Protein backbone atom coordinates (compact mmCIF):
# COMPACT_ATOMS: atom_id res chain seq x y z
CA MET A 1 82.41 -38.75 -95.92
CA PRO A 2 83.93 -41.74 -97.71
CA ARG A 3 81.53 -43.94 -99.62
CA ASP A 4 82.42 -47.04 -97.53
CA ASP A 5 81.55 -45.22 -94.27
CA LYS A 6 78.19 -44.14 -95.68
CA LEU A 7 77.46 -47.68 -96.82
CA SER A 8 78.41 -49.10 -93.39
CA LYS A 9 76.12 -46.67 -91.57
CA TRP A 10 73.32 -47.36 -94.04
CA MET A 11 73.70 -51.12 -93.53
CA LEU A 12 73.80 -50.70 -89.74
CA GLY A 13 70.62 -48.62 -89.85
CA LEU A 14 68.93 -51.21 -92.06
CA VAL A 15 69.85 -54.04 -89.71
CA PHE A 16 68.49 -52.04 -86.77
CA LEU A 17 65.21 -51.33 -88.58
CA MET A 18 64.89 -54.99 -89.53
CA PHE A 19 65.48 -55.98 -85.90
CA ILE A 20 62.80 -53.54 -84.65
CA GLY A 21 60.44 -54.63 -87.41
CA GLY A 22 61.01 -58.28 -86.58
CA LEU A 23 60.18 -57.65 -82.92
CA LEU A 24 57.04 -55.77 -83.98
CA VAL A 25 55.92 -58.67 -86.16
CA LEU A 26 56.66 -61.21 -83.41
CA ASN A 27 54.80 -59.13 -80.83
CA THR A 28 51.81 -58.75 -83.15
CA GLY A 29 51.62 -62.46 -83.87
CA ALA A 30 52.50 -63.81 -80.42
CA PRO A 31 49.64 -65.29 -78.37
CA ILE A 32 48.45 -63.26 -75.38
CA ARG A 33 49.67 -64.88 -72.18
CA GLU A 34 47.47 -64.79 -69.08
CA PHE A 35 49.96 -66.11 -66.54
CA SER A 36 53.73 -66.01 -66.15
CA GLU A 37 54.97 -69.23 -64.63
CA SER A 38 58.46 -67.80 -64.17
CA GLU A 39 57.19 -64.73 -62.30
CA ASN A 40 54.25 -66.59 -60.71
CA ARG A 41 51.72 -63.84 -61.42
CA MET A 42 48.87 -62.88 -63.72
CA LEU A 43 49.96 -60.78 -66.69
CA GLU A 44 48.25 -57.58 -67.78
CA GLN A 45 45.61 -58.09 -70.47
CA LEU A 46 44.60 -55.65 -73.21
CA PRO A 47 42.56 -52.96 -71.42
CA SER A 48 39.20 -51.78 -72.74
CA PHE A 49 39.02 -48.14 -73.77
CA SER A 50 36.53 -45.56 -72.62
CA LEU A 51 36.54 -41.79 -72.78
CA GLU A 52 36.74 -41.62 -68.97
CA LYS A 53 39.76 -43.97 -68.85
CA GLY A 54 41.42 -41.99 -71.61
CA MET A 55 40.92 -38.70 -69.81
CA ASN A 56 42.09 -39.83 -66.36
CA GLY A 57 45.13 -41.71 -67.67
CA THR A 58 44.21 -45.18 -66.43
CA PHE A 59 43.95 -46.59 -69.98
CA THR A 60 47.45 -45.37 -70.84
CA ALA A 61 48.90 -46.78 -67.61
CA HIS A 62 47.29 -50.20 -68.13
CA PHE A 63 48.21 -50.25 -71.84
CA GLU A 64 51.89 -49.55 -71.06
CA LYS A 65 51.87 -52.38 -68.51
CA TYR A 66 50.15 -54.62 -71.07
CA LEU A 67 52.91 -53.93 -73.64
CA SER A 68 55.58 -54.63 -71.03
CA ASP A 69 54.00 -57.87 -69.78
CA GLN A 70 53.27 -59.23 -73.26
CA PHE A 71 56.58 -58.26 -74.88
CA VAL A 72 58.00 -61.19 -76.81
CA PHE A 73 60.93 -63.02 -75.14
CA ARG A 74 60.25 -60.98 -71.99
CA ASP A 75 62.12 -63.39 -69.68
CA PHE A 76 65.20 -63.31 -71.92
CA TRP A 77 65.35 -59.50 -71.98
CA ILE A 78 64.95 -59.33 -68.20
CA GLY A 79 67.95 -61.64 -67.86
CA VAL A 80 70.07 -59.55 -70.23
CA LYS A 81 69.25 -56.32 -68.38
CA SER A 82 69.89 -57.84 -64.96
CA GLU A 83 73.23 -59.31 -65.98
CA ALA A 84 74.31 -55.90 -67.27
CA ASP A 85 73.15 -54.31 -64.00
CA ARG A 86 75.12 -56.87 -61.99
CA LEU A 87 78.30 -56.25 -63.95
CA MET A 88 77.92 -52.51 -63.29
CA GLY A 89 77.59 -53.17 -59.55
CA LYS A 90 73.88 -52.34 -59.25
CA LYS A 91 72.01 -53.85 -56.29
CA GLU A 92 68.46 -53.64 -57.65
CA SER A 93 66.71 -54.93 -60.75
CA ASN A 94 63.02 -54.91 -61.62
CA GLY A 95 61.98 -54.22 -58.03
CA VAL A 96 64.28 -56.84 -56.50
CA TYR A 97 67.32 -56.14 -54.30
CA VAL A 98 70.45 -58.25 -54.39
CA GLY A 99 71.06 -58.69 -50.67
CA LYS A 100 73.77 -60.22 -48.56
CA ASP A 101 74.37 -63.98 -48.31
CA GLY A 102 72.71 -64.68 -51.65
CA PHE A 103 69.28 -63.25 -50.74
CA LEU A 104 67.03 -61.71 -53.37
CA ILE A 105 64.56 -59.44 -51.56
CA GLN A 106 61.42 -57.85 -52.95
CA LYS A 107 61.36 -54.06 -52.85
CA PHE A 108 58.56 -52.52 -50.80
CA GLY A 109 56.02 -50.53 -52.82
CA LYS A 110 54.08 -47.70 -51.19
CA PRO A 111 50.30 -47.73 -51.74
CA GLU A 112 48.45 -44.82 -53.28
CA ASP A 113 47.00 -42.25 -50.90
CA GLY A 114 43.77 -43.45 -49.33
CA ASP A 115 44.09 -47.01 -50.62
CA LEU A 116 45.08 -48.52 -47.25
CA GLU A 117 42.21 -46.75 -45.48
CA GLU A 118 39.72 -47.90 -48.11
CA LYS A 119 40.76 -51.53 -47.66
CA ALA A 120 40.60 -51.28 -43.87
CA GLU A 121 37.14 -49.74 -44.12
CA ALA A 122 35.98 -52.62 -46.35
CA ILE A 123 37.30 -55.20 -43.86
CA ASN A 124 35.79 -53.38 -40.88
CA GLY A 125 32.40 -53.12 -42.55
CA PHE A 126 32.45 -56.77 -43.58
CA ALA A 127 33.28 -57.96 -40.05
CA LYS A 128 30.61 -55.70 -38.55
CA SER A 129 27.96 -57.10 -40.90
CA LEU A 130 28.49 -60.61 -39.49
CA PRO A 131 28.01 -60.30 -35.70
CA GLY A 132 29.12 -63.28 -33.66
CA LEU A 133 31.85 -64.17 -36.13
CA HIS A 134 35.40 -64.17 -34.74
CA THR A 135 37.60 -62.25 -37.20
CA TYR A 136 41.41 -62.26 -37.21
CA MET A 137 43.92 -60.42 -39.38
CA MET A 138 47.44 -61.75 -39.91
CA LEU A 139 49.53 -59.30 -41.93
CA VAL A 140 52.83 -61.04 -42.57
CA PRO A 141 56.03 -58.99 -42.91
CA THR A 142 58.36 -59.86 -45.77
CA ALA A 143 62.08 -60.53 -45.71
CA ALA A 144 62.64 -56.79 -46.28
CA SER A 145 61.79 -56.04 -42.64
CA VAL A 146 62.43 -59.33 -40.83
CA LEU A 147 65.81 -59.85 -42.51
CA GLU A 148 66.65 -56.17 -42.73
CA GLU A 149 70.36 -56.84 -42.27
CA LYS A 150 70.40 -58.70 -45.60
CA LEU A 151 69.36 -55.58 -47.52
CA PRO A 152 71.94 -53.53 -49.44
CA ALA A 153 73.57 -50.62 -47.63
CA HIS A 154 71.34 -47.57 -47.08
CA VAL A 155 68.13 -49.61 -47.55
CA THR A 156 65.91 -50.33 -44.53
CA GLY A 157 62.68 -52.10 -43.74
CA ASP A 158 61.28 -49.11 -41.84
CA GLU A 159 58.68 -48.20 -44.45
CA GLU A 160 57.16 -51.68 -44.52
CA ARG A 161 56.86 -51.74 -40.73
CA THR A 162 55.31 -48.27 -40.75
CA TYR A 163 52.56 -49.33 -43.13
CA MET A 164 51.91 -52.52 -41.17
CA GLU A 165 51.31 -50.37 -38.09
CA LYS A 166 48.97 -48.13 -40.10
CA VAL A 167 46.89 -51.16 -41.10
CA LYS A 168 46.74 -52.32 -37.50
CA GLU A 169 45.57 -48.90 -36.32
CA ALA A 170 42.96 -48.62 -39.08
CA LEU A 171 41.27 -51.94 -38.25
CA SER A 172 38.35 -52.13 -35.85
CA LYS A 173 39.09 -53.24 -32.31
CA ASP A 174 36.67 -56.12 -32.92
CA ILE A 175 39.18 -57.60 -35.35
CA ALA A 176 42.06 -59.40 -33.62
CA PHE A 177 45.35 -58.37 -35.22
CA VAL A 178 47.87 -61.23 -35.12
CA ASP A 179 51.28 -59.56 -34.99
CA VAL A 180 53.86 -62.13 -36.09
CA TYR A 181 56.74 -59.70 -36.67
CA PRO A 182 58.29 -60.05 -33.15
CA ALA A 183 58.24 -63.87 -33.34
CA LEU A 184 59.77 -63.95 -36.82
CA ARG A 185 62.33 -61.29 -35.98
CA SER A 186 63.45 -63.25 -32.92
CA LYS A 187 64.17 -66.24 -35.22
CA LYS A 188 65.85 -64.20 -37.98
CA GLU A 189 68.94 -66.44 -38.01
CA GLU A 190 66.81 -69.40 -39.07
CA TYR A 191 65.58 -70.27 -42.58
CA LEU A 192 62.38 -68.17 -42.53
CA TYR A 193 62.30 -66.84 -46.09
CA TYR A 194 63.40 -68.28 -49.39
CA LYS A 195 66.44 -66.64 -50.95
CA THR A 196 65.07 -66.72 -54.51
CA ASP A 197 61.34 -66.39 -53.86
CA HIS A 198 59.05 -63.81 -52.22
CA HIS A 199 57.34 -66.33 -49.91
CA TRP A 200 58.20 -67.33 -46.38
CA THR A 201 59.37 -70.90 -45.80
CA THR A 202 57.34 -73.54 -44.02
CA ARG A 203 59.44 -72.89 -40.91
CA GLY A 204 58.49 -69.21 -41.01
CA ALA A 205 54.83 -70.20 -41.36
CA TYR A 206 55.21 -72.59 -38.42
CA TYR A 207 56.31 -69.78 -36.07
CA ALA A 208 53.35 -67.66 -37.23
CA TYR A 209 51.04 -70.63 -36.54
CA GLN A 210 52.31 -70.65 -32.96
CA GLU A 211 51.30 -66.99 -32.62
CA LEU A 212 47.87 -67.60 -34.13
CA GLY A 213 47.23 -70.33 -31.55
CA LYS A 214 47.74 -67.78 -28.76
CA GLN A 215 45.15 -65.47 -30.31
CA MET A 216 42.58 -68.11 -31.26
CA GLY A 217 42.93 -70.07 -28.04
CA PHE A 218 44.02 -73.43 -29.44
CA THR A 219 47.14 -75.34 -28.43
CA PRO A 220 49.48 -75.47 -31.44
CA ARG A 221 51.53 -78.53 -32.20
CA MET A 222 55.23 -78.48 -31.44
CA GLN A 223 57.92 -79.14 -34.03
CA ALA A 224 58.48 -82.55 -32.43
CA ASP A 225 54.94 -83.49 -33.51
CA PHE A 226 55.93 -83.23 -37.17
CA ARG A 227 58.01 -85.29 -39.52
CA ILE A 228 59.87 -82.68 -41.55
CA GLU A 229 60.40 -83.90 -45.10
CA ARG A 230 62.74 -82.23 -47.58
CA ALA A 231 60.64 -82.05 -50.76
CA THR A 232 63.29 -80.48 -53.00
CA ASP A 233 66.69 -78.82 -52.93
CA ASP A 234 66.29 -77.28 -56.37
CA PHE A 235 63.75 -74.45 -56.06
CA TYR A 236 64.34 -71.20 -57.97
CA GLY A 237 61.47 -68.88 -57.12
CA SER A 238 59.69 -65.78 -58.35
CA LEU A 239 62.41 -63.27 -57.40
CA PHE A 240 64.98 -65.29 -59.32
CA SER A 241 62.82 -65.01 -62.43
CA LYS A 242 61.64 -61.44 -61.89
CA SER A 243 65.06 -59.96 -61.18
CA GLY A 244 66.99 -61.85 -63.82
CA PHE A 245 69.89 -62.29 -61.40
CA ARG A 246 71.30 -65.76 -61.96
CA HIS A 247 74.33 -65.97 -59.69
CA VAL A 248 72.47 -67.42 -56.68
CA LEU A 249 72.00 -70.90 -55.23
CA PRO A 250 68.62 -72.67 -55.22
CA ASP A 251 66.31 -72.96 -52.22
CA SER A 252 64.95 -76.04 -50.49
CA ILE A 253 61.29 -76.69 -49.60
CA ASP A 254 60.28 -78.59 -46.48
CA LEU A 255 56.94 -80.18 -45.67
CA TYR A 256 55.77 -80.42 -42.06
CA LEU A 257 53.88 -83.73 -41.95
CA PRO A 258 52.07 -84.87 -38.77
CA LYS A 259 53.65 -87.96 -37.27
CA ASP A 260 50.18 -89.32 -36.56
CA ASP A 261 48.26 -90.22 -39.71
CA GLU A 262 45.35 -87.91 -40.50
CA ALA A 263 42.59 -88.17 -43.08
CA TYR A 264 41.63 -85.15 -45.17
CA SER A 265 39.26 -84.38 -47.97
CA VAL A 266 40.40 -81.48 -50.15
CA GLU A 267 37.83 -80.19 -52.65
CA TYR A 268 38.79 -77.74 -55.41
CA ALA A 269 35.42 -76.18 -56.12
CA SER A 270 36.09 -74.50 -59.48
CA GLU A 271 37.77 -77.61 -60.90
CA LYS A 272 35.13 -79.91 -59.37
CA ARG A 273 37.73 -82.38 -58.19
CA SER A 274 38.84 -83.70 -54.82
CA THR A 275 41.87 -85.35 -53.31
CA HIS A 276 43.06 -86.68 -49.96
CA SER A 277 46.31 -84.77 -49.83
CA LEU A 278 47.26 -81.20 -49.01
CA TYR A 279 50.25 -81.48 -51.35
CA GLU A 280 50.54 -81.73 -55.12
CA ARG A 281 53.87 -83.52 -55.38
CA GLU A 282 53.80 -83.60 -59.18
CA ASN A 283 54.36 -79.85 -59.07
CA LEU A 284 57.86 -80.44 -57.71
CA LYS A 285 58.76 -81.24 -61.32
CA LYS A 286 57.61 -77.78 -62.45
CA LYS A 287 59.23 -74.36 -62.38
CA ASP A 288 57.09 -73.05 -59.50
CA LYS A 289 57.68 -75.76 -56.94
CA TYR A 290 55.95 -73.68 -54.25
CA THR A 291 52.67 -74.88 -55.78
CA VAL A 292 53.34 -78.21 -54.07
CA PHE A 293 51.24 -76.59 -51.32
CA LEU A 294 47.56 -77.10 -52.24
CA ASN A 295 48.36 -76.90 -55.95
CA GLY A 296 48.79 -73.12 -55.84
CA ASN A 297 46.02 -70.51 -55.81
CA HIS A 298 42.34 -71.30 -56.41
CA PRO A 299 39.07 -69.38 -55.99
CA LEU A 300 37.73 -71.77 -53.34
CA ILE A 301 39.08 -74.85 -51.59
CA LYS A 302 37.22 -76.82 -48.93
CA ILE A 303 39.27 -78.93 -46.51
CA THR A 304 37.34 -81.40 -44.35
CA THR A 305 39.29 -82.85 -41.42
CA GLY A 306 36.91 -84.22 -38.80
CA SER A 307 38.93 -82.35 -36.13
CA GLY A 308 38.34 -79.16 -34.23
CA ASP A 309 35.21 -79.89 -32.18
CA GLY A 310 32.88 -78.50 -34.82
CA LYS A 311 34.74 -75.23 -35.39
CA LYS A 312 34.73 -74.00 -38.96
CA LEU A 313 37.16 -71.51 -40.48
CA VAL A 314 37.27 -69.34 -43.59
CA VAL A 315 40.74 -68.19 -44.65
CA VAL A 316 40.73 -65.16 -46.97
CA LYS A 317 44.23 -65.11 -48.31
CA ASP A 318 47.08 -64.70 -50.74
CA SER A 319 49.68 -67.35 -51.59
CA TYR A 320 51.51 -66.90 -48.25
CA ALA A 321 48.69 -68.94 -46.73
CA ASN A 322 49.31 -71.98 -48.95
CA CYS A 323 52.10 -73.44 -46.81
CA PHE A 324 50.42 -72.21 -43.61
CA LEU A 325 47.08 -73.99 -44.04
CA PRO A 326 48.31 -77.55 -43.29
CA PHE A 327 49.08 -76.44 -39.71
CA LEU A 328 45.39 -75.64 -39.10
CA THR A 329 43.88 -79.02 -39.92
CA ALA A 330 44.11 -80.28 -36.32
CA HIS A 331 42.07 -77.35 -35.01
CA PHE A 332 39.09 -77.01 -37.36
CA GLU A 333 36.52 -79.45 -38.67
CA GLU A 334 36.19 -77.58 -41.96
CA ILE A 335 38.43 -74.97 -43.56
CA TYR A 336 37.22 -72.90 -46.52
CA VAL A 337 40.05 -71.20 -48.41
CA VAL A 338 39.05 -68.14 -50.44
CA ASP A 339 41.25 -66.14 -52.80
CA LEU A 340 39.38 -62.92 -53.59
CA ARG A 341 41.45 -62.38 -56.73
CA TYR A 342 39.56 -65.26 -58.35
CA TYR A 343 36.46 -65.81 -56.17
CA GLU A 344 33.28 -64.50 -57.80
CA ASP A 345 30.55 -65.58 -55.35
CA ARG A 346 29.39 -63.80 -52.22
CA LEU A 347 31.61 -64.44 -49.24
CA ASP A 348 28.95 -63.56 -46.67
CA GLU A 349 26.66 -66.24 -48.10
CA LEU A 350 29.44 -68.84 -47.93
CA ILE A 351 29.95 -67.94 -44.25
CA GLN A 352 26.28 -68.05 -43.34
CA GLU A 353 25.38 -71.20 -45.30
CA ASN A 354 28.24 -73.20 -43.79
CA HIS A 355 27.88 -71.91 -40.20
CA ILE A 356 31.41 -70.55 -40.08
CA THR A 357 32.72 -69.70 -36.61
CA ASP A 358 36.01 -67.95 -37.46
CA VAL A 359 37.51 -65.90 -40.29
CA LEU A 360 41.23 -65.35 -40.79
CA LEU A 361 42.53 -62.81 -43.29
CA LEU A 362 46.11 -63.79 -44.09
CA TYR A 363 48.19 -61.67 -46.44
CA ASN A 364 51.79 -60.65 -46.76
CA VAL A 365 52.05 -56.87 -46.47
CA ASN A 366 53.05 -56.31 -50.11
CA THR A 367 50.10 -58.22 -51.54
CA PHE A 368 47.70 -56.59 -49.09
CA LEU A 369 48.76 -53.12 -50.21
CA GLU A 370 48.78 -54.05 -53.92
CA ASP A 371 45.68 -56.24 -54.30
CA PRO A 372 42.51 -54.24 -55.19
CA SER A 373 40.23 -57.27 -54.74
CA ILE A 374 40.25 -56.75 -50.95
CA LYS A 375 38.05 -53.70 -51.48
CA GLU A 376 35.35 -55.98 -52.87
CA LEU A 377 34.58 -57.03 -49.29
CA ALA A 378 32.69 -53.72 -49.08
CA SER A 379 30.10 -55.03 -51.57
CA GLN A 380 29.83 -58.50 -49.99
CA ARG A 381 27.73 -57.51 -47.01
């Protein structure tokens, strides 16, 4: 082999080793991030080791996820990979489909065997331990099933619908299941889900609110009762960031504001602060503009309205509920909003101490199947 070829290969190898070494140094020195604003989720933290975790493989699984989540310049590398995938004609990246008409759609993830049943058992036991309480479950379908026609060829929403039906069948008959799929599906031509984000739009939440009124026995407001305000036309959501696909247009966010003035008190318990608005408009200047609704996720929020003839509601929820909650203020005197992912107190005590009359569990189907905190209801009774 000529000397020049050997030297070129040696130099190339050296550059590669320096690149890998540089990444290693950067990763070692980079601060540990707890939350990804671009992906709108908590990032994996360094797991603790035990002999049991080492033997059953859970430590390895969590450590691999930790390395992936904390990798330096993570967002940049996701974008590079996704752009390469797009140029090669691939329709999926990082669990996100590139659908028709500019839609990015979250891929459905099957739960582990027995996980669904364990969560249903926890919910059933919790509801049974509080007799006299009216309990409702709203499991919201995602765009993958409601907007099935937007999915790439040969991909369907059947699996998501199948698991939704399994949840419904596993719940006690004493828990009212609020099935919003038919209502959303009938309006599929409307703007029900964001194209770049995994959430439903305020319009999608409005149609689900109509269905909840039928189950709970209150008369929901009509669209004519609201002043619909366009909050932004420049929203790029979680699926935009997660997938790395960049050749899509931004979404818009609408607020449904009652035409008649209403007074609220909104208390953020963990932050020990209160406000008189359900919206954090300053967040429209941030990356995650969806947090305009109640400033995002919090362990506990108390909304006092003065409406609802003394009825009091606890909403156990994920972030799908954030744009849904403003519709409920006309029907309940107090609304307690609990996110089990962050709430550390006993839920049964909150219910009993505040004389709660109704409980609504509101989750999108993906979060319900993924979130282990729901199982903690089994210990809160």
